[in-house]
C-alpha atoms as a PDB file:
ATOM      1  CA  SER A   1      24.273  -7.745  -3.714  1.00  0.00           C
ATOM      2  CA  GLY A   2      23.505  -7.300  -0.310  1.00  0.00           C
ATOM      3  CA  GLU A   3      22.939  -9.320   2.311  1.00  0.00           C
ATOM      4  CA  LEU A   4      19.125 -10.807   3.757  1.00  0.00           C
ATOM      5  CA  LEU A   5      18.086 -10.238   6.760  1.00  0.00           C
ATOM      6  CA  PRO A   6      19.553 -12.852   9.486  1.00  0.00           C
ATOM      7  CA  GLU A   7      16.524 -15.394  10.656  1.00  0.00           C
ATOM      8  CA  HIS A   8      18.181 -15.414  14.425  1.00  0.00           C
ATOM      9  CA  SER A   9      17.861 -12.097  14.190  1.00  0.00           C
ATOM     10  CA  GLU A  10      15.378  -9.870  16.599  1.00  0.00           C
ATOM     11  CA  MET A  11      14.555  -7.579  12.542  1.00  0.00           C
ATOM     12  CA  GLY A  12      14.941 -10.994  11.150  1.00  0.00           C
ATOM     13  CA  ILE A  13      12.427 -13.437  13.327  1.00  0.00           C
ATOM     14  CA  ASP A  14       9.705 -10.300  12.396  1.00  0.00           C
ATOM     15  CA  PHE A  15      10.721  -9.875   9.089  1.00  0.00           C
ATOM     16  CA  ALA A  16       9.795 -13.906   8.130  1.00  0.00           C
ATOM     17  CA  ILE A  17       6.420 -13.631  10.185  1.00  0.00           C
ATOM     18  CA  ALA A  18       5.487 -11.271   7.257  1.00  0.00           C
ATOM     19  CA  LYS A  19       7.216 -13.602   4.699  1.00  0.00           C
ATOM     20  CA  LYS A  20       4.939 -15.672   5.564  1.00  0.00           C
ATOM     21  CA  SER A  21       1.748 -14.195   5.476  1.00  0.00           C
ATOM     22  CA  PHE A  22       2.781 -12.703   2.289  1.00  0.00           C
ATOM     23  CA  GLU A  23       3.116 -16.461   1.141  1.00  0.00           C
ATOM     24  CA  GLU A  24      -0.077 -17.187   2.109  1.00  0.00           C
ATOM     25  CA  LEU A  25      -1.413 -14.798   0.250  1.00  0.00           C
ATOM     26  CA  GLY A  26       0.487 -16.686  -3.097  1.00  0.00           C
ATOM     27  CA  GLY A  27       2.740 -13.802  -3.203  1.00  0.00           C
ATOM     28  CA  GLY A  28       6.342 -13.876  -1.453  1.00  0.00           C
ATOM     29  CA  VAL A  29       8.499 -10.882   0.028  1.00  0.00           C
ATOM     30  CA  ARG A  30      12.034 -10.748  -0.443  1.00  0.00           C
ATOM     31  CA  ALA A  31      14.690  -8.578   1.592  1.00  0.00           C
ATOM     32  CA  GLU A  32      18.556  -7.298   1.694  1.00  0.00           C
ATOM     33  CA  ILE A  33      20.051  -4.682   3.030  1.00  0.00           C
ATOM     34  CA  ASN A  34      22.536  -2.856   2.015  1.00  0.00           C
ATOM     35  CA  PRO A  35      25.251  -0.968   3.877  1.00  0.00           C
ATOM     36  CA  ARG A  36      25.943   2.086   1.534  1.00  0.00           C
ATOM     37  CA  ASN A  37      21.662   2.361   0.115  1.00  0.00           C
ATOM     38  CA  GLY A  38      19.942   1.105   2.742  1.00  0.00           C
ATOM     39  CA  ALA A  39      17.330  -1.832   2.936  1.00  0.00           C
ATOM     40  CA  SER A  40      15.235  -2.702   0.011  1.00  0.00           C
ATOM     41  CA  VAL A  41      11.825  -5.173   0.205  1.00  0.00           C
ATOM     42  CA  THR A  42      10.432  -6.681  -3.420  1.00  0.00           C
ATOM     43  CA  ILE A  43       7.146  -8.083  -2.593  1.00  0.00           C
ATOM     44  CA  ARG A  44       5.248  -9.920  -5.363  1.00  0.00           C
ATOM     45  CA  LEU A  45       1.800 -10.863  -4.713  1.00  0.00           C
ATOM     46  CA  LYS A  46      -0.240 -12.852  -7.299  1.00  0.00           C
ATOM     47  CA  ALA A  47      -3.571 -11.638  -9.007  1.00  0.00           C
ATOM     48  CA  ASP A  48      -6.624 -12.266  -8.198  1.00  0.00           C
ATOM     49  CA  GLU A  49      -8.572 -13.805 -11.090  1.00  0.00           C
ATOM     50  CA  SER A  50     -11.605 -15.013  -8.458  1.00  0.00           C
ATOM     51  CA  GLU A  51     -14.681 -14.314 -10.167  1.00  0.00           C
ATOM     52  CA  ASP A  52     -16.481 -12.931  -6.919  1.00  0.00           C
ATOM     53  CA  ALA A  53     -13.517 -10.146  -6.530  1.00  0.00           C
ATOM     54  CA  LEU A  54     -15.744  -7.253  -5.522  1.00  0.00           C
ATOM     55  CA  GLN A  55     -16.374  -4.180  -7.764  1.00  0.00           C
ATOM     56  CA  THR A  56     -15.497  -1.008  -5.176  1.00  0.00           C
ATOM     57  CA  GLU A  57     -18.939  -0.083  -4.958  1.00  0.00           C
ATOM     58  CA  GLU A  58     -20.662  -3.343  -3.743  1.00  0.00           C
ATOM     59  CA  HIS A  59     -19.154  -4.516  -0.593  1.00  0.00           C
ATOM     60  CA  GLU A  60     -19.949  -1.341   2.436  1.00  0.00           C
ATOM     61  CA  ASP A  61     -21.920  -4.499   4.530  1.00  0.00           C
ATOM     62  CA  VAL A  62     -19.228  -7.003   3.719  1.00  0.00           C
ATOM     63  CA  ASP A  63     -18.525  -8.261   7.323  1.00  0.00           C
ATOM     64  CA  LEU A  64     -14.710  -8.638   8.656  1.00  0.00           C
ATOM     65  CA  PRO A  65     -12.951  -9.312  11.414  1.00  0.00           C
ATOM     66  CA  PRO A  66     -11.024  -6.186  13.417  1.00  0.00           C
ATOM     67  CA  ASP A  67      -7.423  -5.614  12.637  1.00  0.00           C
ATOM     68  CA  CYS A  68      -5.437  -6.346  15.985  1.00  0.00           C
ATOM     69  CA  HIS A  69      -2.066  -4.242  14.082  1.00  0.00           C
ATOM     70  CA  GLY A  70      -3.747  -1.245  13.515  1.00  0.00           C
ATOM     71  CA  GLY A  71      -1.745   1.863  12.072  1.00  0.00           C
ATOM     72  CA  LYS A  72      -2.631   5.405  10.199  1.00  0.00           C
ATOM     73  CA  ILE A  73      -3.745   5.699   7.017  1.00  0.00           C
ATOM     74  CA  LEU A  74      -4.548   8.362   4.155  1.00  0.00           C
ATOM     75  CA  ILE A  75      -6.930   7.610   1.421  1.00  0.00           C
ATOM     76  CA  VAL A  76      -6.158   9.098  -2.020  1.00  0.00           C
ATOM     77  CA  ASP A  77      -9.163   8.797  -4.461  1.00  0.00           C
ATOM     78  CA  ASP A  78     -11.507  11.503  -6.674  1.00  0.00           C
ATOM     79  CA  GLU A  79     -14.099   8.580  -6.914  1.00  0.00           C
ATOM     80  CA  ILE A  80     -16.312   9.314  -3.477  1.00  0.00           C
ATOM     81  CA  SER A  81     -17.832   5.895  -3.554  1.00  0.00           C
ATOM     82  CA  VAL A  82     -14.488   4.582  -4.013  1.00  0.00           C
ATOM     83  CA  ARG A  83     -13.777   6.364  -1.095  1.00  0.00           C
ATOM     84  CA  ARG A  84     -16.617   5.811   1.004  1.00  0.00           C
ATOM     85  CA  THR A  85     -15.806   1.866   0.565  1.00  0.00           C
ATOM     86  CA  LEU A  86     -12.265   2.085   1.584  1.00  0.00           C
ATOM     87  CA  LEU A  87     -13.925   4.531   4.765  1.00  0.00           C
ATOM     88  CA  GLY A  88     -15.793   1.119   5.927  1.00  0.00           C
ATOM     89  CA  ILE A  89     -13.430  -1.411   5.098  1.00  0.00           C
ATOM     90  CA  PHE A  90     -10.067   0.560   7.263  1.00  0.00           C
ATOM     91  CA  ASP A  91     -12.322   2.953   9.354  1.00  0.00           C
ATOM     92  CA  GLN A  92     -12.740   0.363  12.655  1.00  0.00           C
ATOM     93  CA  SER A  93      -9.297  -0.620  12.945  1.00  0.00           C
ATOM     94  CA  TYR A  94      -6.926   1.804  11.736  1.00  0.00           C
ATOM     95  CA  GLU A  95      -6.600   5.868  11.466  1.00  0.00           C
ATOM     96  CA  VAL A  96      -7.741   6.781   9.258  1.00  0.00           C
ATOM     97  CA  GLU A  97      -8.192  10.355   6.869  1.00  0.00           C
ATOM     98  CA  ALA A  98      -9.926  10.389   3.201  1.00  0.00           C
ATOM     99  CA  VAL A  99      -9.496  13.005   0.384  1.00  0.00           C
ATOM    100  CA  GLY A 100     -10.978  13.440  -3.248  1.00  0.00           C
ATOM    101  CA  SER A 101      -7.455  15.258  -5.010  1.00  0.00           C
ATOM    102  CA  GLY A 102      -3.296  14.769  -5.132  1.00  0.00           C
ATOM    103  CA  VAL A 103      -3.622  18.528  -4.342  1.00  0.00           C
ATOM    104  CA  ALA A 104      -5.222  17.730  -0.194  1.00  0.00           C
ATOM    105  CA  ALA A 105      -3.459  15.270   0.243  1.00  0.00           C
ATOM    106  CA  LYS A 106      -0.352  17.546  -0.747  1.00  0.00           C
ATOM    107  CA  LEU A 107      -1.486  20.148   2.575  1.00  0.00           C
ATOM    108  CA  ILE A 108      -1.943  17.415   4.909  1.00  0.00           C
ATOM    109  CA  LEU A 109       1.224  15.358   3.523  1.00  0.00           C
ATOM    110  CA  GLU A 110       3.140  18.237   4.285  1.00  0.00           C
ATOM    111  CA  LYS A 111       2.164  18.588   7.741  1.00  0.00           C
ATOM    112  CA  ASP A 112       2.305  15.193   8.583  1.00  0.00           C
ATOM    113  CA  GLN A 113       3.840  11.850   7.188  1.00  0.00           C
ATOM    114  CA  SER A 114       3.229   9.711  10.426  1.00  0.00           C
ATOM    115  CA  PHE A 115       0.692   7.789   8.039  1.00  0.00           C
ATOM    116  CA  ASP A 116       1.257   3.887   7.631  1.00  0.00           C
ATOM    117  CA  VAL A 117       0.371   4.061   4.581  1.00  0.00           C
ATOM    118  CA  VAL A 118      -0.837   5.961   1.508  1.00  0.00           C
ATOM    119  CA  LEU A 119      -3.798   4.581  -0.202  1.00  0.00           C
ATOM    120  CA  CYS A 120      -3.422   5.953  -3.711  1.00  0.00           C
ATOM    121  CA  ASP A 121      -5.999   6.090  -7.285  1.00  0.00           C
ATOM    122  CA  VAL A 122      -3.168   6.540 -10.092  1.00  0.00           C
ATOM    123  CA  THR A 123      -5.538   8.938 -11.992  1.00  0.00           C
ATOM    124  CA  MET A 124      -7.246  12.108 -11.120  1.00  0.00           C
ATOM    125  CA  ALA A 125      -8.144  15.277 -12.174  1.00  0.00           C
ATOM    126  CA  GLU A 126      -6.148  17.250 -10.174  1.00  0.00           C
ATOM    127  CA  LEU A 127      -2.434  16.105  -9.523  1.00  0.00           C
ATOM    128  CA  SER A 128      -2.030  12.120 -10.188  1.00  0.00           C
ATOM    129  CA  GLY A 129      -1.332   9.713  -7.940  1.00  0.00           C
ATOM    130  CA  ILE A 130       1.732   9.712  -9.532  1.00  0.00           C
ATOM    131  CA  GLU A 131       2.275  13.374  -9.998  1.00  0.00           C
ATOM    132  CA  LEU A 132       1.900  13.061  -6.021  1.00  0.00           C
ATOM    133  CA  HIS A 133       4.218  10.423  -5.592  1.00  0.00           C
ATOM    134  CA  LYS A 134       6.936  12.724  -7.807  1.00  0.00           C
ATOM    135  CA  TRP A 135       6.825  14.739  -5.252  1.00  0.00           C
ATOM    136  CA  VAL A 136       6.383  12.911  -2.139  1.00  0.00           C
ATOM    137  CA  SER A 137       9.240  11.065  -2.814  1.00  0.00           C
ATOM    138  CA  ARG A 138      11.494  14.487  -3.090  1.00  0.00           C
ATOM    139  CA  ALA A 139       9.969  15.900   0.075  1.00  0.00           C
ATOM    140  CA  TYR A 140       9.821  12.826   2.442  1.00  0.00           C
ATOM    141  CA  PRO A 141      11.214   9.850   0.759  1.00  0.00           C
ATOM    142  CA  ALA A 142      10.311   7.875   3.316  1.00  0.00           C
ATOM    143  CA  LEU A 143       7.027   8.722   3.219  1.00  0.00           C
ATOM    144  CA  SER A 144       7.132   7.216  -0.677  1.00  0.00           C
ATOM    145  CA  LYS A 145       7.915   3.809  -0.078  1.00  0.00           C
ATOM    146  CA  ARG A 146       4.109   3.571   1.446  1.00  0.00           C
ATOM    147  CA  PHE A 147       2.453   3.973  -1.800  1.00  0.00           C
ATOM    148  CA  ILE A 148      -0.031   1.375  -2.340  1.00  0.00           C
ATOM    149  CA  PHE A 149      -1.462   2.532  -5.757  1.00  0.00           C
ATOM    150  CA  LEU A 150      -5.081   1.489  -6.519  1.00  0.00           C
ATOM    151  CA  THR A 151      -5.397   1.648 -10.014  1.00  0.00           C
ATOM    152  CA  GLY A 152      -7.985   0.023 -13.054  1.00  0.00           C
ATOM    153  CA  ALA A 153      -5.296   1.950 -15.981  1.00  0.00           C
ATOM    154  CA  LEU A 154      -3.474  -1.127 -17.395  1.00  0.00           C
ATOM    155  CA  PRO A 155      -1.290   1.468 -19.447  1.00  0.00           C
ATOM    156  CA  ALA A 156       0.479   2.463 -16.037  1.00  0.00           C
ATOM    157  CA  LEU A 157       1.347  -1.031 -15.292  1.00  0.00           C
ATOM    158  CA  GLU A 158       2.870  -1.867 -18.786  1.00  0.00           C
ATOM    159  CA  PRO A 159       7.034  -2.073 -18.447  1.00  0.00           C
ATOM    160  CA  GLY A 160       9.032   1.369 -18.205  1.00  0.00           C
ATOM    161  CA  SER A 161       5.826   3.235 -16.957  1.00  0.00           C
ATOM    162  CA  TYR A 162       6.640   5.293 -13.941  1.00  0.00           C
ATOM    163  CA  LEU A 163       4.891   2.531 -11.250  1.00  0.00           C
ATOM    164  CA  ASN A 164       6.914   0.026 -12.406  1.00  0.00           C
ATOM    165  CA  GLU A 165      10.277   1.691 -12.672  1.00  0.00           C
ATOM    166  CA  VAL A 166       9.741   2.908  -9.021  1.00  0.00           C
ATOM    167  CA  GLY A 167       8.227  -0.270  -7.943  1.00  0.00           C
ATOM    168  CA  CYS A 168       5.299   0.572  -5.076  1.00  0.00           C
ATOM    169  CA  LEU A 169       3.255  -2.067  -4.241  1.00  0.00           C
ATOM    170  CA  ARG A 170      -0.427  -1.413  -6.596  1.00  0.00           C
ATOM    171  CA  VAL A 171      -3.726  -3.403  -5.929  1.00  0.00           C
ATOM    172  CA  GLU A 172      -6.176  -2.818  -8.864  1.00  0.00           C
ATOM    173  CA  LYS A 173      -9.674  -2.654  -9.092  1.00  0.00           C
ATOM    174  CA  PRO A 174     -11.553  -4.183  -8.598  1.00  0.00           C
ATOM    175  CA  PHE A 175     -10.571  -5.451  -5.411  1.00  0.00           C
ATOM    176  CA  LYS A 176     -11.818  -8.086  -2.528  1.00  0.00           C
ATOM    177  CA  ALA A 177     -12.131  -6.131   0.960  1.00  0.00           C
ATOM    178  CA  LYS A 178     -10.855  -9.271   2.704  1.00  0.00           C
ATOM    179  CA  ARG A 179      -7.646  -9.156   0.693  1.00  0.00           C
ATOM    180  CA  LEU A 180      -7.499  -5.886   0.371  1.00  0.00           C
ATOM    181  CA  ARG A 181      -7.199  -5.314   4.037  1.00  0.00           C
ATOM    182  CA  GLU A 182      -5.127  -8.434   4.338  1.00  0.00           C
ATOM    183  CA  ILE A 183      -2.297  -6.463   2.398  1.00  0.00           C
ATOM    184  CA  VAL A 184      -2.605  -3.726   4.023  1.00  0.00           C
ATOM    185  CA  ARG A 185      -1.823  -5.457   7.284  1.00  0.00           C
ATOM    186  CA  ASN A 186       0.851  -7.481   5.811  1.00  0.00           C
ATOM    187  CA  PHE A 187       2.521  -3.887   4.396  1.00  0.00           C
ATOM    188  CA  VAL A 188       2.142  -2.311   8.264  1.00  0.00           C
ATOM    189  CA  ALA A 189       4.027  -4.756   9.769  1.00  0.00           C
ATOM    190  CA  LEU A 190       6.489  -5.283   7.516  1.00  0.00           C
ATOM    191  CA  ASN A 191       7.271  -1.366   6.962  1.00  0.00           C
ATOM    192  CA  ARG A 192       7.907  -1.451  10.699  1.00  0.00           C
ATOM    193  CA  VAL A 193       9.656  -4.220  10.601  1.00  0.00           C
ATOM    194  CA  MET A 194      12.244  -2.053   7.995  1.00  0.00           C
ATOM    195  CA  THR A 195      12.122   1.092  10.080  1.00  0.00           C
END
């Protein structure tokens, strides 16, 4: 088994901060370093079961504090209302691009792999999120670890499914805007610690 990040190291201190943030959201994060295979990060998030979870179409006017962390996000979703909502959530704090298909995302990622996060719908008619991730895993393995899947499709989460196998972070629709911002902010911070 791999070694845990030493808490007294600079990377360990940054990781401890990210870990505390995830724990405040009701989840947790664990990192292990294996000299042969690199670092492995496991993120656990508490399911949001509150009745006030917002539908993606209904929270364009949510007033949220600006992020100080920044970063670069690619949004991939074939529903225009979801893309607009996600742009409204992130465009003031991040550099954001949004596309409506996996094919369009593939064209962007062939030219630019510098995204901190790829927020990707699972089910799309033209090159699904899973197919896009499989391609990215072959072409740009490091980038494949920066995907957060947005899904309302429960079969995609069943044991043995692709999403469970690859261990990517996923957020179920409908989602709360503030919670999604916190998840993305912490995800970006954690990825910067690990790279």
